[in-house]
PDB file of N, CA and C in Angstrom:
ATOM      1  N   MET A   1     136.919 112.439  57.897  1.00  0.00           N
ATOM      2  CA  MET A   1     136.406 112.846  59.183  1.00  0.00           C
ATOM      3  C   MET A   1     135.884 114.278  59.045  1.00  0.00           C
ATOM      4  N   SER A   2     134.659 114.500  59.394  1.00  0.00           N
ATOM      5  CA  SER A   2     134.065 115.824  59.247  1.00  0.00           C
ATOM      6  C   SER A   2     134.475 116.718  60.413  1.00  0.00           C
ATOM      7  N   THR A   3     134.294 118.022  60.218  1.00  0.00           N
ATOM      8  CA  THR A   3     134.611 118.982  61.269  1.00  0.00           C
ATOM      9  C   THR A   3     133.742 118.743  62.491  1.00  0.00           C
ATOM     10  N   HIS A   4     132.488 118.411  62.249  1.00  0.00           N
ATOM     11  CA  HIS A   4     131.578 118.146  63.366  1.00  0.00           C
ATOM     12  C   HIS A   4     132.079 116.967  64.201  1.00  0.00           C
ATOM     13  N   THR A   5     132.542 115.914  63.544  1.00  0.00           N
ATOM     14  CA  THR A   5     133.058 114.749  64.258  1.00  0.00           C
ATOM     15  C   THR A   5     134.326 115.101  65.022  1.00  0.00           C
ATOM     16  N   THR A   6     135.207 115.843  64.407  1.00  0.00           N
ATOM     17  CA  THR A   6     136.434 116.272  65.084  1.00  0.00           C
ATOM     18  C   THR A   6     136.086 117.109  66.303  1.00  0.00           C
ATOM     19  N   HIS A   7     135.122 117.978  66.157  1.00  0.00           N
ATOM     20  CA  HIS A   7     134.672 118.808  67.286  1.00  0.00           C
ATOM     21  C   HIS A   7     134.198 117.936  68.444  1.00  0.00           C
ATOM     22  N   GLU A   8     133.408 116.917  68.143  1.00  0.00           N
ATOM     23  CA  GLU A   8     132.916 116.015  69.186  1.00  0.00           C
ATOM     24  C   GLU A   8     134.058 115.253  69.844  1.00  0.00           C
ATOM     25  N   TYR A   9     135.023 114.808  69.045  1.00  0.00           N
ATOM     26  CA  TYR A   9     136.181 114.103  69.603  1.00  0.00           C
ATOM     27  C   TYR A   9     136.987 115.017  70.528  1.00  0.00           C
ATOM     28  N   LEU A  10     137.171 116.256  70.138  1.00  0.00           N
ATOM     29  CA  LEU A  10     137.921 117.199  70.964  1.00  0.00           C
ATOM     30  C   LEU A  10     137.195 117.479  72.281  1.00  0.00           C
ATOM     31  N   LEU A  11     135.883 117.640  72.209  1.00  0.00           N
ATOM     32  CA  LEU A  11     135.111 117.855  73.439  1.00  0.00           C
ATOM     33  C   LEU A  11     135.211 116.644  74.365  1.00  0.00           C
ATOM     34  N   ARG A  12     135.115 115.455  73.775  1.00  0.00           N
ATOM     35  CA  ARG A  12     135.202 114.243  74.597  1.00  0.00           C
ATOM     36  C   ARG A  12     136.585 114.105  75.219  1.00  0.00           C
ATOM     37  N   LEU A  13     137.632 114.448  74.472  1.00  0.00           N
ATOM     38  CA  LEU A  13     138.996 114.371  75.011  1.00  0.00           C
ATOM     39  C   LEU A  13     139.161 115.327  76.184  1.00  0.00           C
ATOM     40  N   ARG A  14     138.632 116.539  76.062  1.00  0.00           N
ATOM     41  CA  ARG A  14     138.705 117.498  77.172  1.00  0.00           C
ATOM     42  C   ARG A  14     137.992 116.950  78.399  1.00  0.00           C
ATOM     43  N   ASP A  15     136.807 116.385  78.197  1.00  0.00           N
ATOM     44  CA  ASP A  15     136.052 115.824  79.314  1.00  0.00           C
ATOM     45  C   ASP A  15     136.783 114.638  79.943  1.00  0.00           C
ATOM     46  N   LEU A  16     137.430 113.830  79.115  1.00  0.00           N
ATOM     47  CA  LEU A  16     138.180 112.683  79.642  1.00  0.00           C
ATOM     48  C   LEU A  16     139.370 113.129  80.473  1.00  0.00           C
ATOM     49  N   LEU A  17     140.044 114.195  80.068  1.00  0.00           N
ATOM     50  CA  LEU A  17     141.178 114.700  80.844  1.00  0.00           C
ATOM     51  C   LEU A  17     140.727 115.177  82.221  1.00  0.00           C
ATOM     52  N   ILE A  18     139.589 115.832  82.264  1.00  0.00           N
ATOM     53  CA  ILE A  18     139.052 116.287  83.554  1.00  0.00           C
ATOM     54  C   ILE A  18     138.644 115.085  84.404  1.00  0.00           C
ATOM     55  N   GLU A  19     137.999 114.102  83.777  1.00  0.00           N
ATOM     56  CA  GLU A  19     137.580 112.897  84.500  1.00  0.00           C
ATOM     57  C   GLU A  19     138.792 112.108  85.005  1.00  0.00           C
ATOM     58  N   GLU A  20     139.853 112.056  84.200  1.00  0.00           N
ATOM     59  CA  GLU A  20     141.070 111.351  84.602  1.00  0.00           C
ATOM     60  C   GLU A  20     141.661 111.978  85.869  1.00  0.00           C
ATOM     61  N   ARG A  21     141.695 113.303  85.924  1.00  0.00           N
ATOM     62  CA  ARG A  21     142.229 113.987  87.103  1.00  0.00           C
ATOM     63  C   ARG A  21     141.369 113.714  88.332  1.00  0.00           C
ATOM     64  N   GLU A  22     140.047 113.739  88.153  1.00  0.00           N
ATOM     65  CA  GLU A  22     139.155 113.471  89.287  1.00  0.00           C
ATOM     66  C   GLU A  22     139.325 112.041  89.797  1.00  0.00           C
ATOM     67  N   CYS A  23     139.502 111.087  88.891  1.00  0.00           N
ATOM     68  CA  CYS A  23     139.727 109.692  89.294  1.00  0.00           C
ATOM     69  C   CYS A  23     141.050 109.566  90.051  1.00  0.00           C
ATOM     70  N   ALA A  24     142.059 110.291  89.598  1.00  0.00           N
ATOM     71  CA  ALA A  24     143.355 110.241  90.276  1.00  0.00           C
ATOM     72  C   ALA A  24     143.263 110.843  91.674  1.00  0.00           C
ATOM     73  N   LYS A  25     142.498 111.906  91.824  1.00  0.00           N
ATOM     74  CA  LYS A  25     142.390 112.564  93.124  1.00  0.00           C
ATOM     75  C   LYS A  25     141.702 111.678  94.152  1.00  0.00           C
ATOM     76  N   ILE A  26     140.728 110.871  93.721  1.00  0.00           N
ATOM     77  CA  ILE A  26     140.029 110.009  94.685  1.00  0.00           C
ATOM     78  C   ILE A  26     140.562 108.574  94.644  1.00  0.00           C
ATOM     79  N   LEU A  27     141.630 108.365  93.881  1.00  0.00           N
ATOM     80  CA  LEU A  27     142.297 107.060  93.760  1.00  0.00           C
ATOM     81  C   LEU A  27     141.362 105.963  93.252  1.00  0.00           C
ATOM     82  N   ASN A  28     140.519 106.296  92.288  1.00  0.00           N
ATOM     83  CA  ASN A  28     139.633 105.317  91.665  1.00  0.00           C
ATOM     84  C   ASN A  28     140.364 104.726  90.456  1.00  0.00           C
ATOM     85  N   LEU A  29     141.204 103.736  90.721  1.00  0.00           N
ATOM     86  CA  LEU A  29     142.068 103.185  89.677  1.00  0.00           C
ATOM     87  C   LEU A  29     141.315 102.436  88.577  1.00  0.00           C
ATOM     88  N   PRO A  30     140.270 101.662  88.872  1.00  0.00           N
ATOM     89  CA  PRO A  30     139.550 101.016  87.765  1.00  0.00           C
ATOM     90  C   PRO A  30     138.935 102.034  86.796  1.00  0.00           C
ATOM     91  N   ALA A  31     138.322 103.082  87.325  1.00  0.00           N
ATOM     92  CA  ALA A  31     137.736 104.109  86.461  1.00  0.00           C
ATOM     93  C   ALA A  31     138.835 104.855  85.710  1.00  0.00           C
ATOM     94  N   MET A  32     139.954 105.096  86.360  1.00  0.00           N
ATOM     95  CA  MET A  32     141.060 105.794  85.711  1.00  0.00           C
ATOM     96  C   MET A  32     141.634 104.965  84.562  1.00  0.00           C
ATOM     97  N   THR A  33     141.710 103.664  84.741  1.00  0.00           N
ATOM     98  CA  THR A  33     142.182 102.779  83.676  1.00  0.00           C
ATOM     99  C   THR A  33     141.232 102.820  82.482  1.00  0.00           C
ATOM    100  N   ARG A  34     139.932 102.821  82.754  1.00  0.00           N
ATOM    101  CA  ARG A  34     138.937 102.904  81.685  1.00  0.00           C
ATOM    102  C   ARG A  34     139.062 104.230  80.933  1.00  0.00           C
ATOM    103  N   VAL A  35     139.215 105.321  81.680  1.00  0.00           N
ATOM    104  CA  VAL A  35     139.342 106.643  81.068  1.00  0.00           C
ATOM    105  C   VAL A  35     140.606 106.721  80.219  1.00  0.00           C
ATOM    106  N   MET A  36     141.695 106.171  80.722  1.00  0.00           N
ATOM    107  CA  MET A  36     142.955 106.209  79.972  1.00  0.00           C
ATOM    108  C   MET A  36     142.848 105.423  78.667  1.00  0.00           C
ATOM    109  N   ALA A  37     142.161 104.289  78.700  1.00  0.00           N
ATOM    110  CA  ALA A  37     141.994 103.490  77.484  1.00  0.00           C
ATOM    111  C   ALA A  37     141.170 104.257  76.449  1.00  0.00           C
ATOM    112  N   GLU A  38     140.088 104.896  76.902  1.00  0.00           N
ATOM    113  CA  GLU A  38     139.269 105.668  75.978  1.00  0.00           C
ATOM    114  C   GLU A  38     140.039 106.873  75.436  1.00  0.00           C
ATOM    115  N   LYS A  39     140.836 107.483  76.301  1.00  0.00           N
ATOM    116  CA  LYS A  39     141.638 108.633  75.871  1.00  0.00           C
ATOM    117  C   LYS A  39     142.654 108.218  74.807  1.00  0.00           C
ATOM    118  N   GLU A  40     143.288 107.060  74.983  1.00  0.00           N
ATOM    119  CA  GLU A  40     144.256 106.570  73.994  1.00  0.00           C
ATOM    120  C   GLU A  40     143.582 106.304  72.648  1.00  0.00           C
ATOM    121  N   GLU A  41     142.363 105.753  72.667  1.00  0.00           N
ATOM    122  CA  GLU A  41     141.626 105.531  71.422  1.00  0.00           C
ATOM    123  C   GLU A  41     141.340 106.851  70.711  1.00  0.00           C
ATOM    124  N   LEU A  42     140.908 107.840  71.489  1.00  0.00           N
ATOM    125  CA  LEU A  42     140.633 109.151  70.897  1.00  0.00           C
ATOM    126  C   LEU A  42     141.893 109.779  70.310  1.00  0.00           C
ATOM    127  N   LEU A  43     142.996 109.640  71.006  1.00  0.00           N
ATOM    128  CA  LEU A  43     144.252 110.213  70.506  1.00  0.00           C
ATOM    129  C   LEU A  43     144.690 109.541  69.208  1.00  0.00           C
ATOM    130  N   GLN A  44     144.450 108.238  69.081  1.00  0.00           N
ATOM    131  CA  GLN A  44     144.787 107.552  67.832  1.00  0.00           C
ATOM    132  C   GLN A  44     143.907 108.042  66.691  1.00  0.00           C
ATOM    133  N   ILE A  45     142.651 108.304  66.974  1.00  0.00           N
ATOM    134  CA  ILE A  45     141.745 108.825  65.947  1.00  0.00           C
ATOM    135  C   ILE A  45     142.151 110.252  65.558  1.00  0.00           C
ATOM    136  N   LEU A  46     142.422 111.073  66.564  1.00  0.00           N
ATOM    137  CA  LEU A  46     142.755 112.472  66.301  1.00  0.00           C
ATOM    138  C   LEU A  46     144.150 112.644  65.698  1.00  0.00           C
ATOM    139  N   ALA A  47     144.996 111.641  65.798  1.00  0.00           N
ATOM    140  CA  ALA A  47     146.345 111.739  65.238  1.00  0.00           C
ATOM    141  C   ALA A  47     146.311 111.890  63.725  1.00  0.00           C
ATOM    142  N   HIS A  48     145.239 111.458  63.084  1.00  0.00           N
ATOM    143  CA  HIS A  48     145.128 111.548  61.628  1.00  0.00           C
ATOM    144  C   HIS A  48     144.596 112.900  61.162  1.00  0.00           C
ATOM    145  N   THR A  49     144.220 113.751  62.094  1.00  0.00           N
ATOM    146  CA  THR A  49     143.693 115.066  61.749  1.00  0.00           C
ATOM    147  C   THR A  49     144.848 116.005  61.429  1.00  0.00           C
ATOM    148  N   GLN A  50     144.816 116.587  60.239  1.00  0.00           N
ATOM    149  CA  GLN A  50     145.879 117.494  59.814  1.00  0.00           C
ATOM    150  C   GLN A  50     145.642 118.916  60.327  1.00  0.00           C
ATOM    151  N   THR A  51     144.442 119.426  60.163  1.00  0.00           N
ATOM    152  CA  THR A  51     144.102 120.771  60.627  1.00  0.00           C
ATOM    153  C   THR A  51     142.760 120.724  61.336  1.00  0.00           C
ATOM    154  N   ILE A  52     142.557 121.683  62.217  1.00  0.00           N
ATOM    155  CA  ILE A  52     141.271 121.769  62.902  1.00  0.00           C
ATOM    156  C   ILE A  52     140.605 123.086  62.528  1.00  0.00           C
ATOM    157  N   ASP A  53     139.322 123.106  62.686  1.00  0.00           N
ATOM    158  CA  ASP A  53     138.537 124.295  62.383  1.00  0.00           C
ATOM    159  C   ASP A  53     138.946 125.424  63.336  1.00  0.00           C
ATOM    160  N   PRO A  54     139.012 126.650  62.873  1.00  0.00           N
ATOM    161  CA  PRO A  54     139.386 127.759  63.765  1.00  0.00           C
ATOM    162  C   PRO A  54     138.486 127.882  64.994  1.00  0.00           C
ATOM    163  N   SER A  55     137.234 127.488  64.874  1.00  0.00           N
ATOM    164  CA  SER A  55     136.344 127.555  66.045  1.00  0.00           C
ATOM    165  C   SER A  55     136.710 126.509  67.102  1.00  0.00           C
ATOM    166  N   ASP A  56     137.465 125.472  66.725  1.00  0.00           N
ATOM    167  CA  ASP A  56     137.882 124.427  67.672  1.00  0.00           C
ATOM    168  C   ASP A  56     139.201 124.751  68.370  1.00  0.00           C
ATOM    169  N   LYS A  57     139.819 125.847  67.998  1.00  0.00           N
ATOM    170  CA  LYS A  57     141.115 126.194  68.608  1.00  0.00           C
ATOM    171  C   LYS A  57     140.982 126.477  70.103  1.00  0.00           C
ATOM    172  N   THR A  58     139.843 127.019  70.520  1.00  0.00           N
ATOM    173  CA  THR A  58     139.652 127.256  71.957  1.00  0.00           C
ATOM    174  C   THR A  58     139.560 125.937  72.717  1.00  0.00           C
ATOM    175  N   ILE A  59     138.934 124.948  72.106  1.00  0.00           N
ATOM    176  CA  ILE A  59     138.856 123.625  72.744  1.00  0.00           C
ATOM    177  C   ILE A  59     140.244 123.006  72.815  1.00  0.00           C
ATOM    178  N   ALA A  60     141.036 123.164  71.753  1.00  0.00           N
ATOM    179  CA  ALA A  60     142.405 122.641  71.752  1.00  0.00           C
ATOM    180  C   ALA A  60     143.237 123.311  72.841  1.00  0.00           C
ATOM    181  N   THR A  61     143.015 124.602  73.056  1.00  0.00           N
ATOM    182  CA  THR A  61     143.720 125.315  74.132  1.00  0.00           C
ATOM    183  C   THR A  61     143.296 124.779  75.490  1.00  0.00           C
ATOM    184  N   GLN A  62     142.015 124.502  75.654  1.00  0.00           N
ATOM    185  CA  GLN A  62     141.526 123.928  76.909  1.00  0.00           C
ATOM    186  C   GLN A  62     142.110 122.542  77.137  1.00  0.00           C
ATOM    187  N   ILE A  63     142.219 121.761  76.070  1.00  0.00           N
ATOM    188  CA  ILE A  63     142.798 120.414  76.173  1.00  0.00           C
ATOM    189  C   ILE A  63     144.253 120.517  76.615  1.00  0.00           C
ATOM    190  N   ARG A  64     144.997 121.441  76.028  1.00  0.00           N
ATOM    191  CA  ARG A  64     146.398 121.639  76.415  1.00  0.00           C
ATOM    192  C   ARG A  64     146.495 122.016  77.890  1.00  0.00           C
ATOM    193  N   HIS A  65     145.613 122.918  78.332  1.00  0.00           N
ATOM    194  CA  HIS A  65     145.610 123.357  79.725  1.00  0.00           C
ATOM    195  C   HIS A  65     145.295 122.196  80.673  1.00  0.00           C
ATOM    196  N   GLU A  66     144.261 121.423  80.365  1.00  0.00           N
ATOM    197  CA  GLU A  66     143.885 120.296  81.226  1.00  0.00           C
ATOM    198  C   GLU A  66     144.972 119.228  81.243  1.00  0.00           C
ATOM    199  N   ASN A  67     145.601 119.003  80.100  1.00  0.00           N
ATOM    200  CA  ASN A  67     146.672 118.013  80.032  1.00  0.00           C
ATOM    201  C   ASN A  67     147.863 118.446  80.888  1.00  0.00           C
ATOM    202  N   ARG A  68     148.187 119.727  80.858  1.00  0.00           N
ATOM    203  CA  ARG A  68     149.288 120.238  81.697  1.00  0.00           C
ATOM    204  C   ARG A  68     148.942 120.151  83.175  1.00  0.00           C
ATOM    205  N   ARG A  69     147.682 120.415  83.513  1.00  0.00           N
ATOM    206  CA  ARG A  69     147.261 120.278  84.911  1.00  0.00           C
ATOM    207  C   ARG A  69     147.440 118.838  85.390  1.00  0.00           C
ATOM    208  N   ASN A  70     147.027 117.887  84.552  1.00  0.00           N
ATOM    209  CA  ASN A  70     147.177 116.475  84.913  1.00  0.00           C
ATOM    210  C   ASN A  70     148.651 116.111  85.039  1.00  0.00           C
ATOM    211  N   ALA A  71     149.459 116.576  84.100  1.00  0.00           N
ATOM    212  CA  ALA A  71     150.889 116.270  84.146  1.00  0.00           C
ATOM    213  C   ALA A  71     151.507 116.821  85.422  1.00  0.00           C
ATOM    214  N   TYR A  72     151.133 118.029  85.809  1.00  0.00           N
ATOM    215  CA  TYR A  72     151.664 118.617  87.042  1.00  0.00           C
ATOM    216  C   TYR A  72     151.220 117.816  88.256  1.00  0.00           C
ATOM    217  N   LEU A  73     149.959 117.395  88.273  1.00  0.00           N
ATOM    218  CA  LEU A  73     149.454 116.586  89.388  1.00  0.00           C
ATOM    219  C   LEU A  73     150.239 115.291  89.512  1.00  0.00           C
ATOM    220  N   PHE A  74     150.422 114.589  88.386  1.00  0.00           N
ATOM    221  CA  PHE A  74     151.130 113.307  88.428  1.00  0.00           C
ATOM    222  C   PHE A  74     152.599 113.481  88.777  1.00  0.00           C
ATOM    223  N   LYS A  75     153.235 114.526  88.251  1.00  0.00           N
ATOM    224  CA  LYS A  75     154.656 114.759  88.540  1.00  0.00           C
ATOM    225  C   LYS A  75     154.862 115.137  90.000  1.00  0.00           C
ATOM    226  N   SER A  76     154.023 116.010  90.536  1.00  0.00           N
ATOM    227  CA  SER A  76     154.173 116.402  91.936  1.00  0.00           C
ATOM    228  C   SER A  76     153.851 115.244  92.874  1.00  0.00           C
ATOM    229  N   THR A  77     152.883 114.423  92.512  1.00  0.00           N
ATOM    230  CA  THR A  77     152.559 113.257  93.335  1.00  0.00           C
ATOM    231  C   THR A  77     153.711 112.265  93.345  1.00  0.00           C
ATOM    232  N   LEU A  78     154.317 112.052  92.196  1.00  0.00           N
ATOM    233  CA  LEU A  78     155.472 111.160  92.125  1.00  0.00           C
ATOM    234  C   LEU A  78     156.614 111.699  92.978  1.00  0.00           C
ATOM    235  N   GLY A  79     156.843 112.999  92.933  1.00  0.00           N
ATOM    236  CA  GLY A  79     157.883 113.603  93.768  1.00  0.00           C
ATOM    237  C   GLY A  79     157.594 113.424  95.244  1.00  0.00           C
ATOM    238  N   TRP A  80     156.324 113.575  95.619  1.00  0.00           N
ATOM    239  CA  TRP A  80     155.946 113.397  97.014  1.00  0.00           C
ATOM    240  C   TRP A  80     156.172 111.947  97.455  1.00  0.00           C
ATOM    241  N   ILE A  81     155.839 110.995  96.587  1.00  0.00           N
ATOM    242  CA  ILE A  81     156.049 109.582  96.912  1.00  0.00           C
ATOM    243  C   ILE A  81     157.539 109.296  97.063  1.00  0.00           C
ATOM    244  N   ARG A  82     158.360 109.847  96.168  1.00  0.00           N
ATOM    245  CA  ARG A  82     159.813 109.651  96.271  1.00  0.00           C
ATOM    246  C   ARG A  82     160.365 110.221  97.571  1.00  0.00           C
ATOM    247  N   GLN A  83     159.913 111.414  97.956  1.00  0.00           N
ATOM    248  CA  GLN A  83     160.371 112.009  99.204  1.00  0.00           C
ATOM    249  C   GLN A  83     159.953 111.163 100.401  1.00  0.00           C
ATOM    250  N   THR A  84     158.745 110.629 100.358  1.00  0.00           N
ATOM    251  CA  THR A  84     158.272 109.782 101.444  1.00  0.00           C
ATOM    252  C   THR A  84     159.105 108.511 101.545  1.00  0.00           C
ATOM    253  N   MET A  85     159.403 107.902 100.388  1.00  0.00           N
ATOM    254  CA  MET A  85     160.226 106.691 100.393  1.00  0.00           C
ATOM    255  C   MET A  85     161.633 106.985 100.915  1.00  0.00           C
ATOM    256  N   GLU A  86     162.194 108.124 100.537  1.00  0.00           N
ATOM    257  CA  GLU A  86     163.518 108.500 101.043  1.00  0.00           C
ATOM    258  C   GLU A  86     163.477 108.709 102.548  1.00  0.00           C
ATOM    259  N   PHE A  87     162.416 109.347 103.036  1.00  0.00           N
ATOM    260  CA  PHE A  87     162.286 109.583 104.468  1.00  0.00           C
ATOM    261  C   PHE A  87     162.263 108.271 105.235  1.00  0.00           C
ATOM    262  N   PHE A  88     161.456 107.315 104.782  1.00  0.00           N
ATOM    263  CA  PHE A  88     161.355 106.048 105.493  1.00  0.00           C
ATOM    264  C   PHE A  88     162.583 105.175 105.275  1.00  0.00           C
ATOM    265  N   GLY A  89     163.367 105.462 104.264  1.00  0.00           N
ATOM    266  CA  GLY A  89     164.581 104.698 104.024  1.00  0.00           C
ATOM    267  C   GLY A  89     165.775 105.209 104.799  1.00  0.00           C
ATOM    268  N   LYS A  90     165.650 106.381 105.398  1.00  0.00           N
ATOM    269  CA  LYS A  90     166.769 106.954 106.146  1.00  0.00           C
ATOM    270  C   LYS A  90     166.921 106.274 107.498  1.00  0.00           C
ATOM    271  N   ARG A  91     168.061 106.484 108.055  1.00  0.00           N
ATOM    272  CA  ARG A  91     168.384 105.935 109.370  1.00  0.00           C
ATOM    273  C   ARG A  91     167.489 106.579 110.428  1.00  0.00           C
ATOM    274  N   THR A  92     166.840 105.757 111.246  1.00  0.00           N
ATOM    275  CA  THR A  92     165.960 106.299 112.280  1.00  0.00           C
ATOM    276  C   THR A  92     166.689 106.506 113.605  1.00  0.00           C
ATOM    277  N   VAL A  93     167.859 105.913 113.759  1.00  0.00           N
ATOM    278  CA  VAL A  93     168.646 106.081 114.976  1.00  0.00           C
ATOM    279  C   VAL A  93     169.926 106.803 114.584  1.00  0.00           C
ATOM    280  N   THR A  94     170.228 107.882 115.266  1.00  0.00           N
ATOM    281  CA  THR A  94     171.427 108.640 114.935  1.00  0.00           C
ATOM    282  C   THR A  94     172.674 107.894 115.407  1.00  0.00           C
ATOM    283  N   SER A  95     173.797 108.301 114.861  1.00  0.00           N
ATOM    284  CA  SER A  95     175.060 107.709 115.300  1.00  0.00           C
ATOM    285  C   SER A  95     175.304 108.091 116.753  1.00  0.00           C
ATOM    286  N   THR A  96     175.981 107.213 117.462  1.00  0.00           N
ATOM    287  CA  THR A  96     176.292 107.467 118.867  1.00  0.00           C
ATOM    288  C   THR A  96     177.792 107.698 119.005  1.00  0.00           C
ATOM    289  N   TYR A  97     178.207 108.100 120.168  1.00  0.00           N
ATOM    290  CA  TYR A  97     179.624 108.368 120.418  1.00  0.00           C
ATOM    291  C   TYR A  97     180.247 107.238 121.219  1.00  0.00           C
ATOM    292  N   SER A  98     181.499 106.936 120.890  1.00  0.00           N
ATOM    293  CA  SER A  98     182.225 105.897 121.608  1.00  0.00           C
ATOM    294  C   SER A  98     182.939 106.524 122.813  1.00  0.00           C
ATOM    295  N   ALA A  99     183.637 105.713 123.593  1.00  0.00           N
ATOM    296  CA  ALA A  99     184.365 106.191 124.769  1.00  0.00           C
ATOM    297  C   ALA A  99     185.485 107.144 124.379  1.00  0.00           C
ATOM    298  N   THR A 100     185.970 107.049 123.143  1.00  0.00           N
ATOM    299  CA  THR A 100     187.059 107.930 122.692  1.00  0.00           C
ATOM    300  C   THR A 100     186.523 109.144 121.927  1.00  0.00           C
ATOM    301  N   ALA A 101     185.244 109.423 122.027  1.00  0.00           N
ATOM    302  CA  ALA A 101     184.571 110.566 121.417  1.00  0.00           C
ATOM    303  C   ALA A 101     184.450 110.464 119.903  1.00  0.00           C
ATOM    304  N   GLY A 102     184.611 109.286 119.361  1.00  0.00           N
ATOM    305  CA  GLY A 102     184.387 109.076 117.931  1.00  0.00           C
ATOM    306  C   GLY A 102     182.950 108.627 117.696  1.00  0.00           C
ATOM    307  N   THR A 103     182.469 108.812 116.503  1.00  0.00           N
ATOM    308  CA  THR A 103     181.097 108.376 116.223  1.00  0.00           C
ATOM    309  C   THR A 103     181.088 106.896 115.861  1.00  0.00           C
ATOM    310  N   VAL A 104     180.044 106.232 116.300  1.00  0.00           N
ATOM    311  CA  VAL A 104     179.849 104.821 116.026  1.00  0.00           C
ATOM    312  C   VAL A 104     178.494 104.675 115.354  1.00  0.00           C
ATOM    313  N   ALA A 105     178.458 103.963 114.252  1.00  0.00           N
ATOM    314  CA  ALA A 105     177.189 103.768 113.549  1.00  0.00           C
ATOM    315  C   ALA A 105     176.247 102.945 114.405  1.00  0.00           C
ATOM    316  N   ALA A 106     175.013 103.339 114.459  1.00  0.00           N
ATOM    317  CA  ALA A 106     174.009 102.613 115.224  1.00  0.00           C
ATOM    318  C   ALA A 106     173.668 101.317 114.493  1.00  0.00           C
ATOM    319  N   PRO A 107     173.295 100.270 115.216  1.00  0.00           N
ATOM    320  CA  PRO A 107     173.004  98.994 114.576  1.00  0.00           C
ATOM    321  C   PRO A 107     171.686  98.979 113.788  1.00  0.00           C
ATOM    322  N   VAL A 108     170.784  99.915 114.019  1.00  0.00           N
ATOM    323  CA  VAL A 108     169.509  99.937 113.325  1.00  0.00           C
ATOM    324  C   VAL A 108     169.670 100.759 112.051  1.00  0.00           C
ATOM    325  N   ASN A 109     169.229 100.204 110.902  1.00  0.00           N
ATOM    326  CA  ASN A 109     169.403 100.945 109.663  1.00  0.00           C
ATOM    327  C   ASN A 109     168.176 101.712 109.242  1.00  0.00           C
ATOM    328  N   GLY A 110     167.055 101.539 109.888  1.00  0.00           N
ATOM    329  CA  GLY A 110     165.883 102.354 109.624  1.00  0.00           C
ATOM    330  C   GLY A 110     165.076 101.969 108.399  1.00  0.00           C
ATOM    331  N   ARG A 111     165.320 100.844 107.824  1.00  0.00           N
ATOM    332  CA  ARG A 111     164.562 100.430 106.631  1.00  0.00           C
ATOM    333  C   ARG A 111     163.186  99.948 107.063  1.00  0.00           C
ATOM    334  N   LEU A 112     162.260 100.895 107.221  1.00  0.00           N
ATOM    335  CA  LEU A 112     160.916 100.544 107.649  1.00  0.00           C
ATOM    336  C   LEU A 112     160.131  99.839 106.562  1.00  0.00           C
ATOM    337  N   LEU A 113     160.501 100.058 105.305  1.00  0.00           N
ATOM    338  CA  LEU A 113     159.748  99.484 104.198  1.00  0.00           C
ATOM    339  C   LEU A 113     160.513  98.354 103.513  1.00  0.00           C
ATOM    340  N   SER A 114     161.389  97.693 104.236  1.00  0.00           N
ATOM    341  CA  SER A 114     162.201  96.648 103.612  1.00  0.00           C
ATOM    342  C   SER A 114     161.419  95.351 103.412  1.00  0.00           C
ATOM    343  N   GLY A 115     160.322  95.164 104.135  1.00  0.00           N
ATOM    344  CA  GLY A 115     159.563  93.935 104.030  1.00  0.00           C
ATOM    345  C   GLY A 115     160.017  92.879 105.009  1.00  0.00           C
ATOM    346  N   ARG A 116     161.083  93.162 105.744  1.00  0.00           N
ATOM    347  CA  ARG A 116     161.572  92.202 106.734  1.00  0.00           C
ATOM    348  C   ARG A 116     161.121  92.625 108.135  1.00  0.00           C
ATOM    349  N   VAL A 117     160.906  91.656 108.968  1.00  0.00           N
ATOM    350  CA  VAL A 117     160.493  91.931 110.331  1.00  0.00           C
ATOM    351  C   VAL A 117     161.693  91.851 111.241  1.00  0.00           C
TER     352      VAL A 117
END
């Protein structure tokens, strides 16, 4: 693999990482799947590269930066989804008090996303 070819692969990988993030932001899942497949192919090709040209180190730094940005986006989105699921899974009716001033659990459990009507 020549340095020129490695350079082109690195540039394409950087562009794919940016495209992957844009697809995720607009929820274009078919395009994101295509980008991920192409990215995996590039990573398999680049895995055989032992060293890169010193002029390509800036591109490698950009790739690391874009990859971390994507990882942060996906991790924070997953956290937001988990928080939303926990919110909808919580009890929507608070406990009530009985005649003896004790708390009584409300009959509604608040499972809005249970799939049952």
